[in-house]
Amino acid sequence: MSSAAIDMILDAFARHGDRHYGERVSQTAHALQCAELAAREGAGDAMVAASLLHDYGHLLEVDRQADPDNPSTDEMHEMLAADALAAVFGPEVVQPIALHVAAKQYLCATEPGYLEGLSAASAHSLALQGGPFDATQVRQFEAMPFSAEAVRLRRYDDLGKVEGGETTRLSDYRDLLLGLASRQGR
């Protein structure tokens, strides 16, 4: 099952990964840049995988939205990804993905200047996602398992948008993904 599931994930990138979703880079380039940032920082395999797959839900949304390049509603791509990936990976991969949008809302509420530094597409999606957290939501987020990992993932997400940035190939991550999936017995 693991091999087929990983191939299905990689196939979604092959089919829809060239979309730009409002940023200056494609979905695939963004995913690869985020994964490489995590790897260069010495993050473990689970964080590298989460960084690579955090926007997988956008690839799943393409057929659901009337205009996937300019969404007018929040399709909760983080939950689409988490739900799909939970059949393949454990919580150390899935939960940071599920929480990476909440991490943006958290950082907007707690880190001076963070909101102003968001890309135009991230600022637009923030409005669709409910805006920055209030004090209660901040405390709730901080108490959640994997919230620190989600914040770390969010930072890679913010930085992984370099137009023309050099990256490895998506296929270079196949073995890493297979290893993580097999650890889950999936």
Foldseek 3Di string as FASTA:
>chain_A
DQLVLLVVLVVLCVVQQQADLQFLGGNQLLLQQLLVVCVVVVHDLLLSLLSNQLQSLLSVCPVVDPDSSDDPADPLSLVSSLVSCVVQADCSNNVLSSCLLVLLLLCQVPPPPSLVLADPSNNSVCVNVPHHDDPVSNVVLVPDPCSVSNNVSNVSSRVSRDNPDDGDDPVVCSVSSSVRRVVVVD
